[in-house]
C-alpha cells in the first residue's frame, strides 16, 4: 500500500471539476491498494483571486470527505484559507525560503538529485520527482526513468513521490524503486470513475 497525490488540472477534466474532486476523495474509503489519497490543487493558470475562490470550494469538499488538501504555488492564499500544506515549485521556494515556517507540510517539485538536496536544505518535507515515464504532458522531453527515481530516493531522507506517466499498471515499479508514493494527474482527471480507474 502506498500514498497517492492526485494532482489537479481542470482543463483535462471531462466531468464537472468539483464533482471529480468529490469522486477522487471517495478513494480514501476502504481502499485495498492505496494507503491514502491527497488532493494537490495545481491550477497555476488562475489568478491569485480566482485560485482562492476555487481553493475554498475544494478545501470544503476535502474536509467533508476527510481528505488531505495541499494547495499549490499560492502560499499567501494557503495562509489566508488556513491551509497548513503547500506544494511549491523549487524556484518559488528559493525566492522565499522563509515561507516554510508558515506550513506544517511543504512539498517541492524536483528534476535532479541536486535539486532534491537543495529542496531539503530549504525546508521541504516531501518532494515529487519526475517525470518518470513518458507522458503526454511532456511529449518532447524524454522520461528520466526508474534509475533516476532510485537515485533521488537513496539521496534524501524525506518522502519522495514519483510523478509523470504514472498509472495503476506501473505504480508498483515506482514504489519498488524506492518511492514512498505516486502522483497521478491525467488519469484521475480524465476518468469517468476514479474507483474503476484505480
N, C-alpha and C. Protein backbone atom coordinates (compact mmCIF):
# COMPACT_ATOMS: atom_id res chain seq x y z
N UNK A 1 0.85 -1.20 0.00
CA UNK A 1 0.00 0.00 0.00
C UNK A 1 0.88 1.24 0.00
N UNK A 2 0.45 2.24 -0.72
CA UNK A 2 1.23 3.47 -0.84
C UNK A 2 0.30 4.68 -0.87
N UNK A 3 0.91 5.84 -0.66
CA UNK A 3 0.14 7.09 -0.68
C UNK A 3 0.09 7.63 -2.11
N UNK A 4 -1.02 8.26 -2.44
CA UNK A 4 -1.17 8.83 -3.77
C UNK A 4 -1.53 10.32 -3.68
N UNK A 5 -0.84 11.12 -4.47
CA UNK A 5 -1.19 12.53 -4.61
C UNK A 5 -1.95 12.68 -5.92
N UNK A 6 -3.19 13.14 -5.83
CA UNK A 6 -3.99 13.40 -7.03
C UNK A 6 -3.77 14.85 -7.42
N UNK A 7 -3.06 15.06 -8.52
CA UNK A 7 -2.71 16.40 -8.98
C UNK A 7 -3.81 16.89 -9.91
N UNK A 8 -4.35 18.07 -9.62
CA UNK A 8 -5.47 18.53 -10.43
C UNK A 8 -5.03 19.29 -11.69
N UNK A 9 -5.88 19.21 -12.70
CA UNK A 9 -5.79 20.04 -13.90
C UNK A 9 -7.19 20.09 -14.48
N UNK A 10 -7.91 21.15 -14.15
CA UNK A 10 -9.33 21.22 -14.51
C UNK A 10 -9.54 21.24 -16.02
N UNK A 11 -8.49 21.62 -16.80
CA UNK A 11 -8.61 21.64 -18.27
C UNK A 11 -8.70 20.23 -18.85
N UNK A 12 -8.19 19.24 -18.12
CA UNK A 12 -8.25 17.85 -18.59
C UNK A 12 -9.54 17.16 -18.18
N UNK A 13 -10.26 17.76 -17.25
CA UNK A 13 -11.41 17.12 -16.61
C UNK A 13 -12.60 17.03 -17.57
N UNK A 14 -13.09 15.80 -17.78
CA UNK A 14 -14.25 15.60 -18.65
C UNK A 14 -15.56 15.83 -17.90
N UNK A 15 -15.54 15.57 -16.59
CA UNK A 15 -16.73 15.77 -15.75
C UNK A 15 -16.69 17.17 -15.15
N UNK A 16 -17.69 17.51 -14.38
CA UNK A 16 -17.64 18.73 -13.59
C UNK A 16 -16.45 18.62 -12.65
N UNK A 17 -15.61 19.64 -12.61
CA UNK A 17 -14.35 19.57 -11.86
C UNK A 17 -14.57 19.28 -10.38
N UNK A 18 -15.49 19.99 -9.74
CA UNK A 18 -15.72 19.78 -8.30
C UNK A 18 -16.32 18.41 -8.03
N UNK A 19 -17.14 17.92 -8.95
CA UNK A 19 -17.69 16.56 -8.81
C UNK A 19 -16.57 15.53 -8.92
N UNK A 20 -15.60 15.80 -9.80
CA UNK A 20 -14.46 14.88 -9.95
C UNK A 20 -13.61 14.86 -8.67
N UNK A 21 -13.43 16.03 -8.06
CA UNK A 21 -12.70 16.11 -6.78
C UNK A 21 -13.42 15.25 -5.73
N UNK A 22 -14.73 15.40 -5.67
CA UNK A 22 -15.55 14.62 -4.74
C UNK A 22 -15.35 13.12 -4.98
N UNK A 23 -15.37 12.71 -6.24
CA UNK A 23 -15.20 11.29 -6.58
C UNK A 23 -13.81 10.79 -6.20
N UNK A 24 -12.79 11.61 -6.42
CA UNK A 24 -11.42 11.22 -6.06
C UNK A 24 -11.30 11.05 -4.54
N UNK A 25 -11.97 11.92 -3.79
CA UNK A 25 -11.96 11.82 -2.32
C UNK A 25 -12.48 10.47 -1.84
N UNK A 26 -13.42 9.89 -2.60
CA UNK A 26 -14.01 8.61 -2.16
C UNK A 26 -13.00 7.46 -2.22
N UNK A 27 -11.86 7.69 -2.89
CA UNK A 27 -10.83 6.64 -2.94
C UNK A 27 -10.26 6.36 -1.55
N UNK A 28 -10.46 7.29 -0.61
CA UNK A 28 -9.96 7.09 0.75
C UNK A 28 -10.83 6.12 1.55
N UNK A 29 -11.98 5.77 1.02
CA UNK A 29 -12.88 4.86 1.72
C UNK A 29 -12.50 3.40 1.47
N UNK A 30 -11.93 2.77 2.48
CA UNK A 30 -11.62 1.33 2.45
C UNK A 30 -10.97 0.90 1.14
N UNK A 31 -9.86 1.51 0.79
CA UNK A 31 -9.14 1.14 -0.42
C UNK A 31 -8.07 0.10 -0.07
N UNK A 32 -7.97 -0.95 -0.86
CA UNK A 32 -7.01 -2.02 -0.56
C UNK A 32 -5.64 -1.79 -1.19
N UNK A 33 -5.56 -0.87 -2.15
CA UNK A 33 -4.29 -0.63 -2.85
C UNK A 33 -3.60 0.62 -2.30
N UNK A 34 -4.39 1.66 -2.03
CA UNK A 34 -3.83 2.95 -1.66
C UNK A 34 -4.02 3.19 -0.17
N UNK A 35 -2.94 3.59 0.48
CA UNK A 35 -3.00 3.91 1.91
C UNK A 35 -3.85 5.15 2.13
N UNK A 36 -3.58 6.20 1.31
CA UNK A 36 -4.38 7.42 1.38
C UNK A 36 -4.20 8.22 0.10
N UNK A 37 -5.19 9.06 -0.16
CA UNK A 37 -5.16 9.95 -1.32
C UNK A 37 -5.24 11.38 -0.82
N UNK A 38 -4.37 12.22 -1.33
CA UNK A 38 -4.42 13.65 -1.04
C UNK A 38 -4.63 14.39 -2.35
N UNK A 39 -5.37 15.48 -2.29
CA UNK A 39 -5.59 16.33 -3.47
C UNK A 39 -4.55 17.44 -3.47
N UNK A 40 -3.86 17.63 -4.59
CA UNK A 40 -2.96 18.77 -4.75
C UNK A 40 -3.61 19.69 -5.79
N UNK A 41 -4.09 20.84 -5.33
CA UNK A 41 -4.81 21.76 -6.22
C UNK A 41 -3.81 22.58 -7.01
N UNK A 42 -3.46 22.07 -8.19
CA UNK A 42 -2.41 22.67 -9.03
C UNK A 42 -3.05 23.34 -10.25
N UNK A 43 -3.53 24.55 -10.05
CA UNK A 43 -4.19 25.28 -11.14
C UNK A 43 -3.44 26.59 -11.36
N UNK A 44 -2.23 26.46 -11.91
CA UNK A 44 -1.28 27.58 -11.95
C UNK A 44 -1.67 28.68 -12.93
N UNK A 45 -2.63 28.40 -13.82
CA UNK A 45 -3.01 29.43 -14.80
C UNK A 45 -4.01 30.43 -14.21
N UNK A 46 -4.54 30.13 -13.03
CA UNK A 46 -5.53 31.04 -12.42
C UNK A 46 -4.84 32.23 -11.75
N UNK A 47 -5.54 33.35 -11.73
CA UNK A 47 -5.05 34.49 -10.95
C UNK A 47 -5.13 34.10 -9.48
N UNK A 48 -4.44 34.83 -8.63
CA UNK A 48 -4.44 34.51 -7.20
C UNK A 48 -5.86 34.55 -6.62
N UNK A 49 -6.66 35.55 -7.04
CA UNK A 49 -8.03 35.67 -6.54
C UNK A 49 -8.91 34.51 -7.00
N UNK A 50 -8.79 34.15 -8.29
CA UNK A 50 -9.59 33.04 -8.81
C UNK A 50 -9.16 31.72 -8.17
N UNK A 51 -7.86 31.58 -7.94
CA UNK A 51 -7.36 30.37 -7.27
C UNK A 51 -7.93 30.29 -5.85
N UNK A 52 -7.98 31.41 -5.18
CA UNK A 52 -8.51 31.43 -3.81
C UNK A 52 -9.98 30.98 -3.78
N UNK A 53 -10.76 31.48 -4.74
CA UNK A 53 -12.18 31.09 -4.82
C UNK A 53 -12.32 29.59 -5.02
N UNK A 54 -11.52 29.04 -5.95
CA UNK A 54 -11.58 27.60 -6.23
C UNK A 54 -11.05 26.81 -5.03
N UNK A 55 -9.97 27.27 -4.44
CA UNK A 55 -9.36 26.57 -3.30
C UNK A 55 -10.34 26.47 -2.13
N UNK A 56 -11.09 27.51 -1.89
CA UNK A 56 -12.06 27.49 -0.79
C UNK A 56 -13.09 26.38 -1.01
N UNK A 57 -13.54 26.22 -2.27
CA UNK A 57 -14.52 25.17 -2.60
C UNK A 57 -13.91 23.78 -2.46
N UNK A 58 -12.67 23.62 -2.95
CA UNK A 58 -12.01 22.31 -2.91
C UNK A 58 -11.68 21.93 -1.46
N UNK A 59 -11.22 22.88 -0.67
CA UNK A 59 -10.93 22.61 0.75
C UNK A 59 -12.18 22.14 1.49
N UNK A 60 -13.31 22.74 1.14
CA UNK A 60 -14.58 22.37 1.77
C UNK A 60 -14.95 20.92 1.43
N UNK A 61 -14.80 20.55 0.15
CA UNK A 61 -15.09 19.17 -0.28
C UNK A 61 -14.15 18.20 0.42
N UNK A 62 -12.87 18.55 0.47
CA UNK A 62 -11.88 17.66 1.09
C UNK A 62 -12.15 17.48 2.58
N UNK A 63 -12.49 18.58 3.25
CA UNK A 63 -12.76 18.50 4.69
C UNK A 63 -13.97 17.59 4.95
N UNK A 64 -15.00 17.77 4.14
CA UNK A 64 -16.22 16.97 4.27
C UNK A 64 -15.94 15.48 4.07
N UNK A 65 -14.96 15.18 3.23
CA UNK A 65 -14.63 13.79 2.89
C UNK A 65 -13.37 13.28 3.60
N UNK A 66 -12.93 14.03 4.61
CA UNK A 66 -11.77 13.62 5.40
C UNK A 66 -10.56 13.32 4.51
N UNK A 67 -10.31 14.22 3.56
CA UNK A 67 -9.22 14.06 2.60
C UNK A 67 -8.26 15.25 2.72
N UNK A 68 -6.98 14.93 2.76
CA UNK A 68 -5.97 15.99 2.85
C UNK A 68 -5.96 16.79 1.55
N UNK A 69 -5.91 18.13 1.70
CA UNK A 69 -5.79 19.01 0.53
C UNK A 69 -4.51 19.83 0.66
N UNK A 70 -3.72 19.81 -0.39
CA UNK A 70 -2.47 20.57 -0.44
C UNK A 70 -2.64 21.64 -1.51
N UNK A 71 -2.48 22.89 -1.12
CA UNK A 71 -2.57 23.97 -2.11
C UNK A 71 -1.23 24.10 -2.83
N UNK A 72 -1.23 24.77 -3.98
CA UNK A 72 -0.06 24.78 -4.86
C UNK A 72 0.31 26.21 -5.25
N UNK A 73 1.57 26.55 -5.12
CA UNK A 73 2.17 27.81 -5.58
C UNK A 73 1.74 29.03 -4.75
N UNK A 74 0.43 29.23 -4.59
CA UNK A 74 -0.07 30.46 -3.95
C UNK A 74 -0.06 30.33 -2.43
N UNK A 75 1.11 30.55 -1.84
CA UNK A 75 1.26 30.37 -0.38
C UNK A 75 0.49 31.42 0.41
N UNK A 76 0.30 32.61 -0.15
CA UNK A 76 -0.50 33.63 0.56
C UNK A 76 -1.96 33.17 0.67
N UNK A 77 -2.48 32.59 -0.40
CA UNK A 77 -3.85 32.06 -0.38
C UNK A 77 -3.96 30.95 0.66
N UNK A 78 -2.96 30.07 0.70
CA UNK A 78 -2.98 28.97 1.67
C UNK A 78 -3.04 29.52 3.09
N UNK A 79 -2.24 30.55 3.36
CA UNK A 79 -2.25 31.17 4.70
C UNK A 79 -3.61 31.79 5.01
N UNK A 80 -4.16 32.51 4.03
CA UNK A 80 -5.46 33.18 4.22
C UNK A 80 -6.58 32.17 4.48
N UNK A 81 -6.48 30.99 3.84
CA UNK A 81 -7.52 29.96 4.00
C UNK A 81 -7.18 28.98 5.13
N UNK A 82 -6.11 29.30 5.85
CA UNK A 82 -5.69 28.47 6.99
C UNK A 82 -5.40 27.02 6.59
N UNK A 83 -4.82 26.85 5.40
CA UNK A 83 -4.38 25.54 4.93
C UNK A 83 -2.90 25.43 5.25
N UNK A 84 -2.52 24.44 6.02
CA UNK A 84 -1.14 24.32 6.51
C UNK A 84 -0.26 23.45 5.63
N UNK A 85 -0.76 23.14 4.41
CA UNK A 85 0.00 22.29 3.49
C UNK A 85 0.11 23.00 2.14
N UNK A 86 1.35 23.09 1.64
CA UNK A 86 1.59 23.80 0.38
C UNK A 86 2.58 22.99 -0.46
N UNK A 87 2.40 23.05 -1.77
CA UNK A 87 3.37 22.47 -2.71
C UNK A 87 3.91 23.61 -3.56
N UNK A 88 5.23 23.70 -3.67
CA UNK A 88 5.86 24.83 -4.36
C UNK A 88 6.82 24.36 -5.45
N UNK A 89 6.85 25.07 -6.57
CA UNK A 89 7.96 24.87 -7.50
C UNK A 89 9.24 25.31 -6.79
N UNK A 90 10.36 24.68 -7.09
CA UNK A 90 11.62 24.98 -6.40
C UNK A 90 11.97 26.47 -6.50
N UNK A 91 11.75 27.07 -7.66
CA UNK A 91 12.13 28.49 -7.83
C UNK A 91 11.33 29.41 -6.91
N UNK A 92 10.10 29.03 -6.60
CA UNK A 92 9.29 29.84 -5.67
C UNK A 92 9.85 29.73 -4.26
N UNK A 93 10.20 28.51 -3.85
CA UNK A 93 10.78 28.32 -2.52
C UNK A 93 12.12 29.03 -2.40
N UNK A 94 12.93 28.99 -3.46
CA UNK A 94 14.23 29.67 -3.44
C UNK A 94 14.05 31.18 -3.28
N UNK A 95 13.00 31.73 -3.88
CA UNK A 95 12.77 33.18 -3.81
C UNK A 95 12.19 33.60 -2.46
N UNK A 96 11.61 32.66 -1.72
CA UNK A 96 11.02 32.98 -0.42
C UNK A 96 11.20 31.81 0.55
N UNK A 97 12.46 31.55 0.95
CA UNK A 97 12.73 30.37 1.79
C UNK A 97 12.06 30.40 3.16
N UNK A 98 11.74 31.57 3.67
CA UNK A 98 11.11 31.66 4.99
C UNK A 98 9.67 31.14 4.99
N UNK A 99 9.10 30.92 3.81
CA UNK A 99 7.70 30.50 3.71
C UNK A 99 7.47 29.16 4.42
N UNK A 100 8.49 28.34 4.52
CA UNK A 100 8.36 27.02 5.16
C UNK A 100 7.89 27.13 6.61
N UNK A 101 8.25 28.19 7.27
CA UNK A 101 7.89 28.36 8.68
C UNK A 101 6.38 28.47 8.89
N UNK A 102 5.66 28.86 7.83
CA UNK A 102 4.21 29.07 7.94
C UNK A 102 3.41 27.78 7.76
N UNK A 103 4.06 26.69 7.33
CA UNK A 103 3.33 25.48 6.96
C UNK A 103 3.84 24.24 7.69
N UNK A 104 2.93 23.29 7.92
CA UNK A 104 3.30 22.00 8.52
C UNK A 104 3.92 21.07 7.49
N UNK A 105 3.50 21.24 6.24
CA UNK A 105 3.98 20.37 5.17
C UNK A 105 4.31 21.23 3.95
N UNK A 106 5.51 21.02 3.40
CA UNK A 106 5.94 21.78 2.22
C UNK A 106 6.49 20.80 1.20
N UNK A 107 5.77 20.64 0.09
CA UNK A 107 6.24 19.79 -0.99
C UNK A 107 6.93 20.63 -2.05
N UNK A 108 7.90 20.02 -2.73
CA UNK A 108 8.65 20.73 -3.77
C UNK A 108 8.84 19.79 -4.96
N UNK A 109 8.66 20.33 -6.16
CA UNK A 109 8.88 19.57 -7.39
C UNK A 109 10.36 19.64 -7.75
N UNK A 110 10.97 18.48 -8.01
CA UNK A 110 12.41 18.46 -8.38
C UNK A 110 12.61 17.59 -9.62
N UNK A 111 13.75 17.83 -10.29
CA UNK A 111 14.06 17.10 -11.52
C UNK A 111 15.50 16.59 -11.56
N UNK A 112 16.19 16.64 -10.40
CA UNK A 112 17.55 16.11 -10.31
C UNK A 112 17.87 15.84 -8.84
N UNK A 113 18.91 15.05 -8.61
CA UNK A 113 19.33 14.76 -7.24
C UNK A 113 19.76 16.05 -6.54
N UNK A 114 20.49 16.90 -7.26
CA UNK A 114 20.97 18.16 -6.64
C UNK A 114 19.79 19.05 -6.25
N UNK A 115 18.74 19.08 -7.07
CA UNK A 115 17.55 19.86 -6.72
C UNK A 115 16.86 19.26 -5.50
N UNK A 116 16.86 17.93 -5.41
CA UNK A 116 16.24 17.27 -4.24
C UNK A 116 16.95 17.69 -2.96
N UNK A 117 18.27 17.68 -2.98
CA UNK A 117 19.06 18.05 -1.80
C UNK A 117 18.85 19.53 -1.48
N UNK A 118 18.81 20.36 -2.53
CA UNK A 118 18.56 21.80 -2.32
C UNK A 118 17.19 22.03 -1.69
N UNK A 119 16.18 21.30 -2.16
CA UNK A 119 14.82 21.43 -1.62
C UNK A 119 14.79 21.09 -0.13
N UNK A 120 15.48 20.03 0.25
CA UNK A 120 15.55 19.64 1.67
C UNK A 120 16.23 20.73 2.49
N UNK A 121 17.33 21.24 1.98
CA UNK A 121 18.07 22.30 2.69
C UNK A 121 17.22 23.56 2.87
N UNK A 122 16.26 23.76 1.97
CA UNK A 122 15.38 24.93 2.06
C UNK A 122 14.15 24.66 2.94
N UNK A 123 13.98 23.40 3.37
CA UNK A 123 12.89 23.10 4.31
C UNK A 123 11.77 22.23 3.78
N UNK A 124 11.94 21.64 2.60
CA UNK A 124 10.90 20.75 2.06
C UNK A 124 10.68 19.57 2.99
N UNK A 125 9.42 19.15 3.14
CA UNK A 125 9.11 17.97 3.96
C UNK A 125 8.79 16.75 3.09
N UNK A 126 8.57 16.97 1.78
CA UNK A 126 8.45 15.88 0.82
C UNK A 126 8.78 16.44 -0.55
N UNK A 127 9.10 15.58 -1.50
CA UNK A 127 9.37 16.03 -2.87
C UNK A 127 8.62 15.16 -3.88
N UNK A 128 8.33 15.76 -5.02
CA UNK A 128 7.85 14.99 -6.16
C UNK A 128 8.99 14.98 -7.18
N UNK A 129 9.31 13.79 -7.67
CA UNK A 129 10.43 13.62 -8.59
C UNK A 129 9.92 13.11 -9.93
N UNK A 130 10.33 13.79 -10.98
CA UNK A 130 9.85 13.34 -12.29
C UNK A 130 10.54 14.05 -13.44
N UNK A 131 10.02 13.74 -14.64
CA UNK A 131 8.95 12.77 -14.85
C UNK A 131 9.57 11.39 -15.11
N UNK A 132 8.91 10.38 -14.57
CA UNK A 132 9.49 9.04 -14.53
C UNK A 132 9.22 8.27 -15.82
N UNK A 133 7.98 8.26 -16.27
CA UNK A 133 7.61 7.55 -17.50
C UNK A 133 7.17 8.57 -18.55
N UNK A 134 7.10 8.12 -19.80
CA UNK A 134 6.64 9.00 -20.88
C UNK A 134 5.23 9.49 -20.57
N UNK A 135 4.98 10.77 -20.86
CA UNK A 135 3.67 11.35 -20.57
C UNK A 135 3.32 12.40 -21.61
N UNK A 136 2.03 12.49 -21.92
CA UNK A 136 1.57 13.49 -22.89
C UNK A 136 1.83 14.92 -22.40
N UNK A 137 1.92 15.09 -21.09
CA UNK A 137 2.16 16.44 -20.53
C UNK A 137 3.53 16.97 -20.92
N UNK A 138 4.48 16.05 -21.18
CA UNK A 138 5.84 16.46 -21.55
C UNK A 138 6.28 15.62 -22.75
N UNK A 139 5.56 15.80 -23.85
CA UNK A 139 5.76 14.96 -25.04
C UNK A 139 7.18 15.02 -25.60
N UNK A 140 7.80 16.20 -25.58
CA UNK A 140 9.10 16.36 -26.24
C UNK A 140 10.28 16.12 -25.32
N UNK A 141 10.01 15.77 -24.07
CA UNK A 141 11.10 15.56 -23.11
C UNK A 141 11.15 14.09 -22.73
N UNK A 142 12.30 13.43 -22.93
CA UNK A 142 12.36 12.01 -22.57
C UNK A 142 12.21 11.81 -21.07
N UNK A 143 11.57 10.72 -20.66
CA UNK A 143 11.40 10.47 -19.22
C UNK A 143 12.74 10.22 -18.54
N UNK A 144 12.80 10.52 -17.25
CA UNK A 144 14.06 10.33 -16.50
C UNK A 144 14.23 8.89 -16.04
N UNK A 145 13.14 8.17 -15.91
CA UNK A 145 13.22 6.74 -15.65
C UNK A 145 13.36 6.34 -14.19
N UNK A 146 13.30 5.02 -13.99
CA UNK A 146 13.30 4.46 -12.64
C UNK A 146 14.66 4.56 -11.96
N UNK A 147 15.75 4.54 -12.73
CA UNK A 147 17.08 4.66 -12.11
C UNK A 147 17.26 6.06 -11.52
N UNK A 148 16.72 7.08 -12.22
CA UNK A 148 16.73 8.44 -11.68
C UNK A 148 15.95 8.49 -10.37
N UNK A 149 14.77 7.88 -10.38
CA UNK A 149 13.92 7.87 -9.18
C UNK A 149 14.65 7.20 -8.02
N UNK A 150 15.27 6.08 -8.31
CA UNK A 150 16.01 5.34 -7.28
C UNK A 150 17.16 6.18 -6.71
N UNK A 151 17.85 6.91 -7.58
CA UNK A 151 18.95 7.79 -7.13
C UNK A 151 18.45 8.88 -6.21
N UNK A 152 17.31 9.47 -6.57
CA UNK A 152 16.73 10.53 -5.73
C UNK A 152 16.35 9.94 -4.37
N UNK A 153 15.65 8.81 -4.40
CA UNK A 153 15.16 8.20 -3.15
C UNK A 153 16.30 7.84 -2.20
N UNK A 154 17.42 7.38 -2.76
CA UNK A 154 18.54 6.98 -1.90
C UNK A 154 19.37 8.18 -1.44
N UNK A 155 19.10 9.36 -2.00
CA UNK A 155 19.87 10.57 -1.64
C UNK A 155 19.19 11.43 -0.59
N UNK A 156 17.93 11.14 -0.26
CA UNK A 156 17.18 12.00 0.65
C UNK A 156 16.55 11.20 1.78
N UNK A 157 16.17 11.92 2.84
CA UNK A 157 15.56 11.25 4.00
C UNK A 157 14.15 11.76 4.27
N UNK A 158 13.49 12.25 3.21
CA UNK A 158 12.09 12.67 3.29
C UNK A 158 11.30 11.90 2.23
N UNK A 159 9.97 11.84 2.36
CA UNK A 159 9.19 11.09 1.36
C UNK A 159 9.36 11.63 -0.06
N UNK A 160 9.44 10.69 -0.99
CA UNK A 160 9.56 11.01 -2.43
C UNK A 160 8.35 10.41 -3.13
N UNK A 161 7.68 11.24 -3.95
CA UNK A 161 6.54 10.80 -4.74
C UNK A 161 6.93 10.85 -6.22
N UNK A 162 6.75 9.74 -6.90
CA UNK A 162 7.05 9.67 -8.33
C UNK A 162 5.93 10.36 -9.11
N UNK A 163 6.32 11.13 -10.12
CA UNK A 163 5.33 11.82 -10.95
C UNK A 163 5.73 11.69 -12.42
N UNK A 164 4.72 11.66 -13.28
CA UNK A 164 4.96 11.65 -14.72
C UNK A 164 4.70 10.29 -15.34
N UNK A 165 3.57 10.16 -16.00
CA UNK A 165 3.24 8.91 -16.70
C UNK A 165 2.90 7.77 -15.76
N UNK A 166 2.55 8.08 -14.51
CA UNK A 166 2.22 7.03 -13.55
C UNK A 166 0.78 6.57 -13.76
N UNK A 167 0.62 5.26 -13.84
CA UNK A 167 -0.69 4.62 -14.00
C UNK A 167 -0.79 3.48 -12.99
N UNK A 168 -1.99 3.00 -12.70
CA UNK A 168 -2.09 1.85 -11.80
C UNK A 168 -1.20 0.68 -12.25
N UNK A 169 -1.03 0.51 -13.55
CA UNK A 169 -0.25 -0.61 -14.09
C UNK A 169 1.25 -0.50 -13.81
N UNK A 170 1.79 0.73 -13.67
CA UNK A 170 3.24 0.85 -13.45
C UNK A 170 3.58 1.46 -12.08
N UNK A 171 2.57 1.74 -11.27
CA UNK A 171 2.80 2.39 -9.97
C UNK A 171 3.73 1.58 -9.09
N UNK A 172 3.55 0.25 -9.08
CA UNK A 172 4.37 -0.59 -8.20
C UNK A 172 5.85 -0.53 -8.57
N UNK A 173 6.15 -0.31 -9.85
CA UNK A 173 7.56 -0.17 -10.28
C UNK A 173 8.20 1.04 -9.60
N UNK A 174 7.43 2.13 -9.48
CA UNK A 174 7.94 3.34 -8.82
C UNK A 174 8.16 3.08 -7.33
N UNK A 175 7.23 2.36 -6.72
CA UNK A 175 7.36 2.02 -5.29
C UNK A 175 8.58 1.11 -5.09
N UNK A 176 8.75 0.15 -5.98
CA UNK A 176 9.90 -0.77 -5.89
C UNK A 176 11.22 -0.04 -6.06
N UNK A 177 11.20 1.09 -6.77
CA UNK A 177 12.42 1.89 -6.98
C UNK A 177 12.73 2.76 -5.76
N UNK A 178 11.83 2.73 -4.76
CA UNK A 178 12.11 3.47 -3.53
C UNK A 178 11.16 4.59 -3.19
N UNK A 179 10.22 4.89 -4.09
CA UNK A 179 9.29 5.99 -3.85
C UNK A 179 8.34 5.64 -2.71
N UNK A 180 7.97 6.64 -1.94
CA UNK A 180 7.00 6.47 -0.85
C UNK A 180 5.58 6.49 -1.37
N UNK A 181 5.40 7.06 -2.55
CA UNK A 181 4.07 7.15 -3.14
C UNK A 181 4.16 7.63 -4.57
N UNK A 182 2.99 7.87 -5.15
CA UNK A 182 2.90 8.25 -6.56
C UNK A 182 2.01 9.48 -6.71
N UNK A 183 2.18 10.14 -7.84
CA UNK A 183 1.31 11.26 -8.23
C UNK A 183 0.63 10.88 -9.54
N UNK A 184 -0.66 11.12 -9.61
CA UNK A 184 -1.38 10.89 -10.87
C UNK A 184 -2.20 12.15 -11.18
N UNK A 185 -2.07 12.63 -12.42
CA UNK A 185 -2.87 13.78 -12.84
C UNK A 185 -3.84 13.36 -13.95
N UNK A 186 -3.32 13.13 -15.15
CA UNK A 186 -4.17 12.91 -16.32
C UNK A 186 -5.20 11.80 -16.10
N UNK A 187 -4.74 10.65 -15.62
CA UNK A 187 -5.64 9.50 -15.44
C UNK A 187 -6.81 9.81 -14.54
N UNK A 188 -6.54 10.49 -13.43
CA UNK A 188 -7.62 10.80 -12.48
C UNK A 188 -8.50 11.94 -12.95
N UNK A 189 -7.96 12.84 -13.73
CA UNK A 189 -8.75 13.97 -14.23
C UNK A 189 -9.66 13.56 -15.38
N UNK A 190 -9.22 12.59 -16.18
CA UNK A 190 -9.98 12.23 -17.39
C UNK A 190 -10.91 11.04 -17.20
N UNK A 191 -10.68 10.24 -16.15
CA UNK A 191 -11.50 9.03 -16.00
C UNK A 191 -12.93 9.36 -15.59
N UNK A 192 -13.85 8.47 -15.96
CA UNK A 192 -15.25 8.66 -15.60
C UNK A 192 -15.48 8.29 -14.15
N UNK A 193 -14.73 7.27 -13.67
CA UNK A 193 -14.92 6.79 -12.31
C UNK A 193 -13.56 6.47 -11.69
N UNK A 194 -13.08 7.31 -10.76
CA UNK A 194 -11.77 7.06 -10.14
C UNK A 194 -11.63 5.68 -9.51
N UNK A 195 -12.71 5.15 -8.94
CA UNK A 195 -12.64 3.82 -8.30
C UNK A 195 -12.35 2.73 -9.32
N UNK A 196 -12.93 2.86 -10.50
CA UNK A 196 -12.69 1.88 -11.57
C UNK A 196 -11.27 2.07 -12.11
N UNK A 197 -10.84 3.33 -12.25
CA UNK A 197 -9.51 3.63 -12.78
C UNK A 197 -8.42 3.03 -11.89
N UNK A 198 -8.55 3.20 -10.58
CA UNK A 198 -7.54 2.70 -9.64
C UNK A 198 -7.71 1.20 -9.46
